[in-house]
Amino acid sequence: WPAGRWGTPEPPKDGPPRLEALDEESNMDLVIVPGLAFDRERRRLGQGAGFYDRWLARGLGLRDAPASFSGSEGPLHLVGVTLDELMIDEVPTDDYDVLVSRVVCPGGVFPQA
């Protein structure tokens, strides 16, 4: 696959249809969620377009992704994996932001289990 905007391999847009990962027959248990930064309250900073938040809300069975959503406690667990340097005091949020279940970094797991 060719490298995309961030230098990571991406399937070509004109290639074969992509599988729908969150369809009703999916056996997905875990989503490793990317982010530019995270905080100890499980908020993540994305690119600002809300793509992951809308996709995750659909996978969690939500019509919208309210900021008050407390993270996945059901069958789909959302985990942000990051570096200590990308843990910040507070990530700004919008109404559509979905909190991750856990943030994992070399300095610990948040919230602590």
PDB file of N, CA and C in Angstrom:
ATOM      1  N   TRP A   1       0.826  -1.183   0.000  1.00  0.00           N
ATOM      2  CA  TRP A   1       0.000   0.000   0.000  1.00  0.00           C
ATOM      3  C   TRP A   1       0.870   1.247   0.000  1.00  0.00           C
ATOM      4  N   PRO A   2       0.416   2.305  -0.630  1.00  0.00           N
ATOM      5  CA  PRO A   2       1.203   3.539  -0.640  1.00  0.00           C
ATOM      6  C   PRO A   2       1.141   4.246   0.717  1.00  0.00           C
ATOM      7  N   ALA A   3       2.178   5.036   0.994  1.00  0.00           N
ATOM      8  CA  ALA A   3       2.211   5.808   2.239  1.00  0.00           C
ATOM      9  C   ALA A   3       1.200   6.943   2.153  1.00  0.00           C
ATOM     10  N   GLY A   4       0.485   7.168   3.245  1.00  0.00           N
ATOM     11  CA  GLY A   4      -0.502   8.234   3.314  1.00  0.00           C
ATOM     12  C   GLY A   4       0.098   9.516   3.854  1.00  0.00           C
ATOM     13  N   ARG A   5      -0.769  10.411   4.276  1.00  0.00           N
ATOM     14  CA  ARG A   5      -0.379  11.739   4.746  1.00  0.00           C
ATOM     15  C   ARG A   5       0.660  11.694   5.864  1.00  0.00           C
ATOM     16  N   TRP A   6       0.571  10.718   6.760  1.00  0.00           N
ATOM     17  CA  TRP A   6       1.471  10.637   7.906  1.00  0.00           C
ATOM     18  C   TRP A   6       2.576   9.613   7.703  1.00  0.00           C
ATOM     19  N   GLY A   7       2.754   9.138   6.468  1.00  0.00           N
ATOM     20  CA  GLY A   7       3.829   8.209   6.165  1.00  0.00           C
ATOM     21  C   GLY A   7       3.517   6.760   6.484  1.00  0.00           C
ATOM     22  N   THR A   8       2.285   6.471   6.870  1.00  0.00           N
ATOM     23  CA  THR A   8       1.899   5.092   7.168  1.00  0.00           C
ATOM     24  C   THR A   8       1.188   4.487   5.963  1.00  0.00           C
ATOM     25  N   PRO A   9       1.335   3.182   5.746  1.00  0.00           N
ATOM     26  CA  PRO A   9       0.672   2.542   4.608  1.00  0.00           C
ATOM     27  C   PRO A   9      -0.852   2.653   4.726  1.00  0.00           C
ATOM     28  N   GLU A  10      -1.492   2.998   3.621  1.00  0.00           N
ATOM     29  CA  GLU A  10      -2.948   3.110   3.576  1.00  0.00           C
ATOM     30  C   GLU A  10      -3.462   2.404   2.336  1.00  0.00           C
ATOM     31  N   PRO A  11      -4.602   1.706   2.454  1.00  0.00           N
ATOM     32  CA  PRO A  11      -5.159   1.067   1.265  1.00  0.00           C
ATOM     33  C   PRO A  11      -5.577   2.131   0.250  1.00  0.00           C
ATOM     34  N   PRO A  12      -5.364   1.881  -1.029  1.00  0.00           N
ATOM     35  CA  PRO A  12      -5.745   2.872  -2.041  1.00  0.00           C
ATOM     36  C   PRO A  12      -7.259   3.058  -2.087  1.00  0.00           C
ATOM     37  N   LYS A  13      -7.690   4.293  -2.302  1.00  0.00           N
ATOM     38  CA  LYS A  13      -9.124   4.594  -2.346  1.00  0.00           C
ATOM     39  C   LYS A  13      -9.822   3.919  -3.516  1.00  0.00           C
ATOM     40  N   ASP A  14      -9.087   3.658  -4.595  1.00  0.00           N
ATOM     41  CA  ASP A  14      -9.703   3.026  -5.762  1.00  0.00           C
ATOM     42  C   ASP A  14      -9.485   1.510  -5.769  1.00  0.00           C
ATOM     43  N   GLY A  15      -9.017   0.960  -4.655  1.00  0.00           N
ATOM     44  CA  GLY A  15      -8.777  -0.482  -4.545  1.00  0.00           C
ATOM     45  C   GLY A  15     -10.064  -1.237  -4.245  1.00  0.00           C
ATOM     46  N   PRO A  16      -9.933  -2.517  -3.880  1.00  0.00           N
ATOM     47  CA  PRO A  16     -11.123  -3.308  -3.557  1.00  0.00           C
ATOM     48  C   PRO A  16     -11.856  -2.707  -2.360  1.00  0.00           C
ATOM     49  N   PRO A  17     -13.162  -2.965  -2.246  1.00  0.00           N
ATOM     50  CA  PRO A  17     -13.932  -2.398  -1.134  1.00  0.00           C
ATOM     51  C   PRO A  17     -13.326  -2.780   0.216  1.00  0.00           C
ATOM     52  N   ARG A  18     -13.340  -1.832   1.127  1.00  0.00           N
ATOM     53  CA  ARG A  18     -12.823  -2.101   2.468  1.00  0.00           C
ATOM     54  C   ARG A  18     -13.866  -2.863   3.272  1.00  0.00           C
ATOM     55  N   LEU A  19     -13.400  -3.734   4.130  1.00  0.00           N
ATOM     56  CA  LEU A  19     -14.314  -4.456   5.004  1.00  0.00           C
ATOM     57  C   LEU A  19     -14.910  -3.490   6.018  1.00  0.00           C
ATOM     58  N   GLU A  20     -16.152  -3.687   6.348  1.00  0.00           N
ATOM     59  CA  GLU A  20     -16.801  -2.859   7.359  1.00  0.00           C
ATOM     60  C   GLU A  20     -16.522  -3.466   8.723  1.00  0.00           C
ATOM     61  N   ALA A  21     -15.587  -2.889   9.439  1.00  0.00           N
ATOM     62  CA  ALA A  21     -15.112  -3.468  10.699  1.00  0.00           C
ATOM     63  C   ALA A  21     -16.167  -3.455  11.796  1.00  0.00           C
ATOM     64  N   LEU A  22     -17.112  -2.552  11.732  1.00  0.00           N
ATOM     65  CA  LEU A  22     -18.094  -2.448  12.806  1.00  0.00           C
ATOM     66  C   LEU A  22     -19.474  -2.944  12.401  1.00  0.00           C
ATOM     67  N   ASP A  23     -19.536  -3.860  11.446  1.00  0.00           N
ATOM     68  CA  ASP A  23     -20.848  -4.371  11.070  1.00  0.00           C
ATOM     69  C   ASP A  23     -21.389  -5.259  12.189  1.00  0.00           C
ATOM     70  N   GLU A  24     -22.659  -5.640  12.071  1.00  0.00           N
ATOM     71  CA  GLU A  24     -23.321  -6.397  13.130  1.00  0.00           C
ATOM     72  C   GLU A  24     -22.677  -7.748  13.396  1.00  0.00           C
ATOM     73  N   GLU A  25     -21.952  -8.294  12.440  1.00  0.00           N
ATOM     74  CA  GLU A  25     -21.371  -9.616  12.620  1.00  0.00           C
ATOM     75  C   GLU A  25     -19.913  -9.557  13.048  1.00  0.00           C
ATOM     76  N   SER A  26     -19.442  -8.384  13.358  1.00  0.00           N
ATOM     77  CA  SER A  26     -18.055  -8.225  13.774  1.00  0.00           C
ATOM     78  C   SER A  26     -17.833  -8.836  15.149  1.00  0.00           C
ATOM     79  N   ASN A  27     -16.691  -9.464  15.322  1.00  0.00           N
ATOM     80  CA  ASN A  27     -16.313 -10.013  16.622  1.00  0.00           C
ATOM     81  C   ASN A  27     -15.263  -9.136  17.295  1.00  0.00           C
ATOM     82  N   MET A  28     -15.232  -7.875  16.947  1.00  0.00           N
ATOM     83  CA  MET A  28     -14.219  -6.970  17.471  1.00  0.00           C
ATOM     84  C   MET A  28     -14.439  -6.729  18.964  1.00  0.00           C
ATOM     85  N   ASP A  29     -13.362  -6.874  19.748  1.00  0.00           N
ATOM     86  CA  ASP A  29     -13.405  -6.628  21.186  1.00  0.00           C
ATOM     87  C   ASP A  29     -12.621  -5.385  21.578  1.00  0.00           C
ATOM     88  N   LEU A  30     -11.610  -5.051  20.785  1.00  0.00           N
ATOM     89  CA  LEU A  30     -10.644  -4.030  21.173  1.00  0.00           C
ATOM     90  C   LEU A  30     -10.312  -3.141  19.984  1.00  0.00           C
ATOM     91  N   VAL A  31     -10.273  -1.837  20.233  1.00  0.00           N
ATOM     92  CA  VAL A  31      -9.825  -0.882  19.226  1.00  0.00           C
ATOM     93  C   VAL A  31      -8.683  -0.078  19.847  1.00  0.00           C
ATOM     94  N   ILE A  32      -7.512  -0.125  19.219  1.00  0.00           N
ATOM     95  CA  ILE A  32      -6.397   0.727  19.618  1.00  0.00           C
ATOM     96  C   ILE A  32      -6.622   2.061  18.918  1.00  0.00           C
ATOM     97  N   VAL A  33      -6.901   3.090  19.694  1.00  0.00           N
ATOM     98  CA  VAL A  33      -7.317   4.377  19.152  1.00  0.00           C
ATOM     99  C   VAL A  33      -6.116   5.330  19.081  1.00  0.00           C
ATOM    100  N   PRO A  34      -5.834   5.876  17.897  1.00  0.00           N
ATOM    101  CA  PRO A  34      -4.720   6.819  17.779  1.00  0.00           C
ATOM    102  C   PRO A  34      -5.089   8.182  18.357  1.00  0.00           C
ATOM    103  N   GLY A  35      -4.087   8.958  18.661  1.00  0.00           N
ATOM    104  CA  GLY A  35      -4.320  10.309  19.139  1.00  0.00           C
ATOM    105  C   GLY A  35      -3.032  11.108  19.130  1.00  0.00           C
ATOM    106  N   LEU A  36      -3.163  12.415  18.991  1.00  0.00           N
ATOM    107  CA  LEU A  36      -1.998  13.300  19.061  1.00  0.00           C
ATOM    108  C   LEU A  36      -1.589  13.529  20.506  1.00  0.00           C
ATOM    109  N   ALA A  37      -2.565  13.409  21.429  1.00  0.00           N
ATOM    110  CA  ALA A  37      -2.310  13.554  22.863  1.00  0.00           C
ATOM    111  C   ALA A  37      -3.482  12.927  23.614  1.00  0.00           C
ATOM    112  N   PHE A  38      -3.244  12.593  24.877  1.00  0.00           N
ATOM    113  CA  PHE A  38      -4.272  12.040  25.762  1.00  0.00           C
ATOM    114  C   PHE A  38      -4.120  12.703  27.121  1.00  0.00           C
ATOM    115  N   ASP A  39      -5.164  12.560  27.974  1.00  0.00           N
ATOM    116  CA  ASP A  39      -5.023  12.991  29.361  1.00  0.00           C
ATOM    117  C   ASP A  39      -5.479  11.872  30.292  1.00  0.00           C
ATOM    118  N   ARG A  40      -5.297  12.089  31.596  1.00  0.00           N
ATOM    119  CA  ARG A  40      -5.621  11.055  32.586  1.00  0.00           C
ATOM    120  C   ARG A  40      -7.115  10.802  32.709  1.00  0.00           C
ATOM    121  N   GLU A  41      -7.930  11.689  32.165  1.00  0.00           N
ATOM    122  CA  GLU A  41      -9.388  11.527  32.191  1.00  0.00           C
ATOM    123  C   GLU A  41      -9.890  10.763  30.968  1.00  0.00           C
ATOM    124  N   ARG A  42      -8.985  10.188  30.200  1.00  0.00           N
ATOM    125  CA  ARG A  42      -9.264   9.331  29.042  1.00  0.00           C
ATOM    126  C   ARG A  42      -9.742  10.101  27.809  1.00  0.00           C
ATOM    127  N   ARG A  43      -9.461  11.391  27.772  1.00  0.00           N
ATOM    128  CA  ARG A  43      -9.802  12.169  26.580  1.00  0.00           C
ATOM    129  C   ARG A  43      -8.646  12.084  25.600  1.00  0.00           C
ATOM    130  N   ARG A  44      -8.981  12.121  24.311  1.00  0.00           N
ATOM    131  CA  ARG A  44      -7.942  12.053  23.284  1.00  0.00           C
ATOM    132  C   ARG A  44      -8.060  13.237  22.343  1.00  0.00           C
ATOM    133  N   LEU A  45      -6.924  13.681  21.867  1.00  0.00           N
ATOM    134  CA  LEU A  45      -6.865  14.758  20.887  1.00  0.00           C
ATOM    135  C   LEU A  45      -6.601  14.121  19.536  1.00  0.00           C
ATOM    136  N   GLY A  46      -7.548  14.293  18.622  1.00  0.00           N
ATOM    137  CA  GLY A  46      -7.387  13.757  17.274  1.00  0.00           C
ATOM    138  C   GLY A  46      -7.002  14.865  16.308  1.00  0.00           C
ATOM    139  N   GLN A  47      -7.357  14.667  15.056  1.00  0.00           N
ATOM    140  CA  GLN A  47      -7.048  15.655  14.020  1.00  0.00           C
ATOM    141  C   GLN A  47      -8.055  16.803  13.995  1.00  0.00           C
ATOM    142  N   GLY A  48      -9.180  16.649  14.711  1.00  0.00           N
ATOM    143  CA  GLY A  48     -10.157  17.721  14.783  1.00  0.00           C
ATOM    144  C   GLY A  48     -11.378  17.549  13.910  1.00  0.00           C
ATOM    145  N   ALA A  49     -11.420  16.506  13.087  1.00  0.00           N
ATOM    146  CA  ALA A  49     -12.565  16.311  12.199  1.00  0.00           C
ATOM    147  C   ALA A  49     -13.638  15.414  12.805  1.00  0.00           C
ATOM    148  N   GLY A  50     -13.339  14.721  13.900  1.00  0.00           N
ATOM    149  CA  GLY A  50     -14.324  13.857  14.543  1.00  0.00           C
ATOM    150  C   GLY A  50     -14.527  12.518  13.875  1.00  0.00           C
ATOM    151  N   PHE A  51     -13.654  12.139  12.930  1.00  0.00           N
ATOM    152  CA  PHE A  51     -13.830  10.884  12.195  1.00  0.00           C
ATOM    153  C   PHE A  51     -13.880   9.687  13.136  1.00  0.00           C
ATOM    154  N   TYR A  52     -12.860   9.534  13.976  1.00  0.00           N
ATOM    155  CA  TYR A  52     -12.817   8.377  14.875  1.00  0.00           C
ATOM    156  C   TYR A  52     -13.977   8.404  15.853  1.00  0.00           C
ATOM    157  N   ASP A  53     -14.327   9.575  16.364  1.00  0.00           N
ATOM    158  CA  ASP A  53     -15.414   9.663  17.331  1.00  0.00           C
ATOM    159  C   ASP A  53     -16.741   9.213  16.729  1.00  0.00           C
ATOM    160  N   ARG A  54     -17.039   9.628  15.507  1.00  0.00           N
ATOM    161  CA  ARG A  54     -18.281   9.187  14.861  1.00  0.00           C
ATOM    162  C   ARG A  54     -18.243   7.695  14.572  1.00  0.00           C
ATOM    163  N   TRP A  55     -17.096   7.192  14.108  1.00  0.00           N
ATOM    164  CA  TRP A  55     -16.941   5.768  13.809  1.00  0.00           C
ATOM    165  C   TRP A  55     -17.099   4.940  15.079  1.00  0.00           C
ATOM    166  N   LEU A  56     -16.472   5.386  16.165  1.00  0.00           N
ATOM    167  CA  LEU A  56     -16.566   4.670  17.434  1.00  0.00           C
ATOM    168  C   LEU A  56     -17.973   4.736  18.004  1.00  0.00           C
ATOM    169  N   ALA A  57     -18.629   5.878  17.892  1.00  0.00           N
ATOM    170  CA  ALA A  57     -19.998   6.004  18.390  1.00  0.00           C
ATOM    171  C   ALA A  57     -20.901   4.998  17.695  1.00  0.00           C
ATOM    172  N   ARG A  58     -20.723   4.846  16.397  1.00  0.00           N
ATOM    173  CA  ARG A  58     -21.522   3.871  15.659  1.00  0.00           C
ATOM    174  C   ARG A  58     -21.231   2.457  16.154  1.00  0.00           C
ATOM    175  N   GLY A  59     -19.962   2.145  16.381  1.00  0.00           N
ATOM    176  CA  GLY A  59     -19.590   0.820  16.867  1.00  0.00           C
ATOM    177  C   GLY A  59     -20.086   0.536  18.268  1.00  0.00           C
ATOM    178  N   LEU A  60     -20.277   1.591  19.052  1.00  0.00           N
ATOM    179  CA  LEU A  60     -20.774   1.435  20.415  1.00  0.00           C
ATOM    180  C   LEU A  60     -22.294   1.498  20.466  1.00  0.00           C
ATOM    181  N   GLY A  61     -22.924   1.649  19.315  1.00  0.00           N
ATOM    182  CA  GLY A  61     -24.377   1.677  19.265  1.00  0.00           C
ATOM    183  C   GLY A  61     -24.980   3.004  19.679  1.00  0.00           C
ATOM    184  N   LEU A  62     -24.216   4.081  19.584  1.00  0.00           N
ATOM    185  CA  LEU A  62     -24.718   5.405  19.931  1.00  0.00           C
ATOM    186  C   LEU A  62     -25.091   6.148  18.658  1.00  0.00           C
ATOM    187  N   ARG A  63     -26.177   6.903  18.699  1.00  0.00           N
ATOM    188  CA  ARG A  63     -26.511   7.739  17.536  1.00  0.00           C
ATOM    189  C   ARG A  63     -25.525   8.883  17.422  1.00  0.00           C
ATOM    190  N   ASP A  64     -25.211   9.474  18.534  1.00  0.00           N
ATOM    191  CA  ASP A  64     -24.234  10.549  18.603  1.00  0.00           C
ATOM    192  C   ASP A  64     -23.197  10.131  19.630  1.00  0.00           C
ATOM    193  N   ALA A  65     -22.111  10.819  19.675  1.00  0.00           N
ATOM    194  CA  ALA A  65     -21.060  10.511  20.646  1.00  0.00           C
ATOM    195  C   ALA A  65     -20.954  11.657  21.635  1.00  0.00           C
ATOM    196  N   PRO A  66     -21.797  11.649  22.674  1.00  0.00           N
ATOM    197  CA  PRO A  66     -21.762  12.764  23.616  1.00  0.00           C
ATOM    198  C   PRO A  66     -20.480  12.794  24.427  1.00  0.00           C
ATOM    199  N   ALA A  67     -20.035  14.000  24.780  1.00  0.00           N
ATOM    200  CA  ALA A  67     -18.823  14.139  25.591  1.00  0.00           C
ATOM    201  C   ALA A  67     -18.996  13.492  26.954  1.00  0.00           C
ATOM    202  N   SER A  68     -20.259  13.318  27.387  1.00  0.00           N
ATOM    203  CA  SER A  68     -20.503  12.713  28.694  1.00  0.00           C
ATOM    204  C   SER A  68     -20.386  11.193  28.664  1.00  0.00           C
ATOM    205  N   PHE A  69     -20.215  10.613  27.493  1.00  0.00           N
ATOM    206  CA  PHE A  69     -20.064   9.160  27.403  1.00  0.00           C
ATOM    207  C   PHE A  69     -18.834   8.759  28.191  1.00  0.00           C
ATOM    208  N   SER A  70     -18.978   7.796  29.088  1.00  0.00           N
ATOM    209  CA  SER A  70     -17.913   7.510  30.059  1.00  0.00           C
ATOM    210  C   SER A  70     -16.913   6.470  29.604  1.00  0.00           C
ATOM    211  N   GLY A  71     -16.875   6.154  28.337  1.00  0.00           N
ATOM    212  CA  GLY A  71     -15.929   5.143  27.865  1.00  0.00           C
ATOM    213  C   GLY A  71     -16.627   3.813  27.717  1.00  0.00           C
ATOM    214  N   SER A  72     -16.000   2.925  27.023  1.00  0.00           N
ATOM    215  CA  SER A  72     -16.612   1.638  26.725  1.00  0.00           C
ATOM    216  C   SER A  72     -16.549   0.709  27.924  1.00  0.00           C
ATOM    217  N   GLU A  73     -17.705   0.320  28.425  1.00  0.00           N
ATOM    218  CA  GLU A  73     -17.779  -0.682  29.485  1.00  0.00           C
ATOM    219  C   GLU A  73     -18.396  -1.956  28.922  1.00  0.00           C
ATOM    220  N   GLY A  74     -18.771  -1.931  27.670  1.00  0.00           N
ATOM    221  CA  GLY A  74     -19.404  -3.079  27.045  1.00  0.00           C
ATOM    222  C   GLY A  74     -18.403  -3.945  26.316  1.00  0.00           C
ATOM    223  N   PRO A  75     -18.858  -4.604  25.255  1.00  0.00           N
ATOM    224  CA  PRO A  75     -17.999  -5.555  24.558  1.00  0.00           C
ATOM    225  C   PRO A  75     -16.878  -4.914  23.742  1.00  0.00           C
ATOM    226  N   LEU A  76     -16.981  -3.642  23.421  1.00  0.00           N
ATOM    227  CA  LEU A  76     -15.949  -2.975  22.627  1.00  0.00           C
ATOM    228  C   LEU A  76     -15.114  -2.073  23.534  1.00  0.00           C
ATOM    229  N   HIS A  77     -13.838  -2.406  23.702  1.00  0.00           N
ATOM    230  CA  HIS A  77     -12.947  -1.633  24.562  1.00  0.00           C
ATOM    231  C   HIS A  77     -12.064  -0.738  23.700  1.00  0.00           C
ATOM    232  N   LEU A  78     -11.970   0.518  24.089  1.00  0.00           N
ATOM    233  CA  LEU A  78     -11.197   1.512  23.355  1.00  0.00           C
ATOM    234  C   LEU A  78      -9.955   1.847  24.165  1.00  0.00           C
ATOM    235  N   VAL A  79      -8.778   1.617  23.587  1.00  0.00           N
ATOM    236  CA  VAL A  79      -7.531   1.836  24.313  1.00  0.00           C
ATOM    237  C   VAL A  79      -6.638   2.781  23.517  1.00  0.00           C
ATOM    238  N   GLY A  80      -6.223   3.860  24.171  1.00  0.00           N
ATOM    239  CA  GLY A  80      -5.244   4.765  23.591  1.00  0.00           C
ATOM    240  C   GLY A  80      -3.863   4.362  24.072  1.00  0.00           C
ATOM    241  N   VAL A  81      -2.939   4.185  23.155  1.00  0.00           N
ATOM    242  CA  VAL A  81      -1.555   3.842  23.491  1.00  0.00           C
ATOM    243  C   VAL A  81      -0.694   5.024  23.072  1.00  0.00           C
ATOM    244  N   THR A  82       0.104   5.527  24.002  1.00  0.00           N
ATOM    245  CA  THR A  82       0.840   6.752  23.719  1.00  0.00           C
ATOM    246  C   THR A  82       2.170   6.795  24.476  1.00  0.00           C
ATOM    247  N   LEU A  83       2.924   7.823  24.236  1.00  0.00           N
ATOM    248  CA  LEU A  83       4.172   8.090  24.951  1.00  0.00           C
ATOM    249  C   LEU A  83       3.884   9.004  26.139  1.00  0.00           C
ATOM    250  N   ASP A  84       4.729   8.946  27.160  1.00  0.00           N
ATOM    251  CA  ASP A  84       4.563   9.843  28.311  1.00  0.00           C
ATOM    252  C   ASP A  84       4.532  11.302  27.870  1.00  0.00           C
ATOM    253  N   GLU A  85       5.344  11.643  26.882  1.00  0.00           N
ATOM    254  CA  GLU A  85       5.435  13.028  26.415  1.00  0.00           C
ATOM    255  C   GLU A  85       4.136  13.521  25.787  1.00  0.00           C
ATOM    256  N   LEU A  86       3.265  12.609  25.390  1.00  0.00           N
ATOM    257  CA  LEU A  86       2.002  12.990  24.762  1.00  0.00           C
ATOM    258  C   LEU A  86       0.831  12.958  25.736  1.00  0.00           C
ATOM    259  N   MET A  87       1.124  12.749  27.020  1.00  0.00           N
ATOM    260  CA  MET A  87       0.112  12.866  28.074  1.00  0.00           C
ATOM    261  C   MET A  87       0.122  14.328  28.525  1.00  0.00           C
ATOM    262  N   ILE A  88      -1.023  14.992  28.391  1.00  0.00           N
ATOM    263  CA  ILE A  88      -1.096  16.404  28.768  1.00  0.00           C
ATOM    264  C   ILE A  88      -2.110  16.576  29.896  1.00  0.00           C
ATOM    265  N   ASP A  89      -2.140  17.754  30.502  1.00  0.00           N
ATOM    266  CA  ASP A  89      -3.026  17.997  31.644  1.00  0.00           C
ATOM    267  C   ASP A  89      -4.497  17.875  31.278  1.00  0.00           C
ATOM    268  N   GLU A  90      -4.895  18.481  30.169  1.00  0.00           N
ATOM    269  CA  GLU A  90      -6.300  18.434  29.783  1.00  0.00           C
ATOM    270  C   GLU A  90      -6.440  18.554  28.274  1.00  0.00           C
ATOM    271  N   VAL A  91      -7.151  17.597  27.700  1.00  0.00           N
ATOM    272  CA  VAL A  91      -7.455  17.622  26.271  1.00  0.00           C
ATOM    273  C   VAL A  91      -8.790  18.345  26.095  1.00  0.00           C
ATOM    274  N   PRO A  92      -8.857  19.358  25.240  1.00  0.00           N
ATOM    275  CA  PRO A  92     -10.142  20.013  24.980  1.00  0.00           C
ATOM    276  C   PRO A  92     -11.084  19.046  24.270  1.00  0.00           C
ATOM    277  N   THR A  93     -12.368  19.127  24.578  1.00  0.00           N
ATOM    278  CA  THR A  93     -13.332  18.207  23.975  1.00  0.00           C
ATOM    279  C   THR A  93     -14.461  18.965  23.297  1.00  0.00           C
ATOM    280  N   ASP A  94     -15.121  18.267  22.381  1.00  0.00           N
ATOM    281  CA  ASP A  94     -16.325  18.752  21.718  1.00  0.00           C
ATOM    282  C   ASP A  94     -17.474  17.816  22.066  1.00  0.00           C
ATOM    283  N   ASP A  95     -18.674  18.185  21.654  1.00  0.00           N
ATOM    284  CA  ASP A  95     -19.856  17.387  21.971  1.00  0.00           C
ATOM    285  C   ASP A  95     -19.797  15.971  21.418  1.00  0.00           C
ATOM    286  N   TYR A  96     -19.085  15.761  20.328  1.00  0.00           N
ATOM    287  CA  TYR A  96     -19.066  14.444  19.691  1.00  0.00           C
ATOM    288  C   TYR A  96     -17.924  13.547  20.173  1.00  0.00           C
ATOM    289  N   ASP A  97     -17.085  14.007  21.082  1.00  0.00           N
ATOM    290  CA  ASP A  97     -15.923  13.231  21.509  1.00  0.00           C
ATOM    291  C   ASP A  97     -16.313  12.021  22.354  1.00  0.00           C
ATOM    292  N   VAL A  98     -15.678  10.904  22.077  1.00  0.00           N
ATOM    293  CA  VAL A  98     -15.863   9.663  22.829  1.00  0.00           C
ATOM    294  C   VAL A  98     -14.607   9.433  23.664  1.00  0.00           C
ATOM    295  N   LEU A  99     -14.797   9.138  24.943  1.00  0.00           N
ATOM    296  CA  LEU A  99     -13.664   8.832  25.812  1.00  0.00           C
ATOM    297  C   LEU A  99     -13.207   7.403  25.568  1.00  0.00           C
ATOM    298  N   VAL A 100     -11.911   7.168  25.686  1.00  0.00           N
ATOM    299  CA  VAL A 100     -11.408   5.801  25.579  1.00  0.00           C
ATOM    300  C   VAL A 100     -11.586   5.102  26.919  1.00  0.00           C
ATOM    301  N   SER A 101     -11.546   3.771  26.905  1.00  0.00           N
ATOM    302  CA  SER A 101     -11.686   2.997  28.138  1.00  0.00           C
ATOM    303  C   SER A 101     -10.451   3.140  29.010  1.00  0.00           C
ATOM    304  N   ARG A 102      -9.288   3.120  28.371  1.00  0.00           N
ATOM    305  CA  ARG A 102      -8.011   3.201  29.077  1.00  0.00           C
ATOM    306  C   ARG A 102      -7.007   3.943  28.198  1.00  0.00           C
ATOM    307  N   VAL A 103      -6.056   4.605  28.850  1.00  0.00           N
ATOM    308  CA  VAL A 103      -4.895   5.167  28.168  1.00  0.00           C
ATOM    309  C   VAL A 103      -3.680   4.448  28.744  1.00  0.00           C
ATOM    310  N   VAL A 104      -2.861   3.884  27.863  1.00  0.00           N
ATOM    311  CA  VAL A 104      -1.679   3.136  28.281  1.00  0.00           C
ATOM    312  C   VAL A 104      -0.440   3.875  27.783  1.00  0.00           C
ATOM    313  N   CYS A 105       0.479   4.137  28.707  1.00  0.00           N
ATOM    314  CA  CYS A 105       1.752   4.768  28.355  1.00  0.00           C
ATOM    315  C   CYS A 105       2.830   4.185  29.261  1.00  0.00           C
ATOM    316  N   PRO A 106       4.101   4.424  28.969  1.00  0.00           N
ATOM    317  CA  PRO A 106       5.156   3.872  29.830  1.00  0.00           C
ATOM    318  C   PRO A 106       4.995   4.264  31.299  1.00  0.00           C
ATOM    319  N   GLY A 107       4.397   5.427  31.566  1.00  0.00           N
ATOM    320  CA  GLY A 107       4.229   5.903  32.938  1.00  0.00           C
ATOM    321  C   GLY A 107       3.050   5.316  33.683  1.00  0.00           C
ATOM    322  N   GLY A 108       2.221   4.523  33.010  1.00  0.00           N
ATOM    323  CA  GLY A 108       1.088   3.919  33.701  1.00  0.00           C
ATOM    324  C   GLY A 108      -0.109   3.691  32.811  1.00  0.00           C
ATOM    325  N   VAL A 109      -1.170   3.225  33.445  1.00  0.00           N
ATOM    326  CA  VAL A 109      -2.449   2.978  32.786  1.00  0.00           C
ATOM    327  C   VAL A 109      -3.473   3.873  33.472  1.00  0.00           C
ATOM    328  N   PHE A 110      -4.271   4.582  32.677  1.00  0.00           N
ATOM    329  CA  PHE A 110      -5.263   5.501  33.224  1.00  0.00           C
ATOM    330  C   PHE A 110      -6.633   5.189  32.649  1.00  0.00           C
ATOM    331  N   PRO A 111      -7.708   5.147  33.446  1.00  0.00           N
ATOM    332  CA  PRO A 111      -7.582   5.181  34.894  1.00  0.00           C
ATOM    333  C   PRO A 111      -6.934   3.902  35.397  1.00  0.00           C
ATOM    334  N   GLN A 112      -6.359   3.977  36.562  1.00  0.00           N
ATOM    335  CA  GLN A 112      -5.694   2.798  37.111  1.00  0.00           C
ATOM    336  C   GLN A 112      -6.729   1.735  37.425  1.00  0.00           C
ATOM    337  N   ALA A 113      -6.427   0.517  37.007  1.00  0.00           N
ATOM    338  CA  ALA A 113      -7.370  -0.596  37.212  1.00  0.00           C
ATOM    339  C   ALA A 113      -7.352  -1.058  38.650  1.00  0.00           C
TER     340      ALA A 113
END
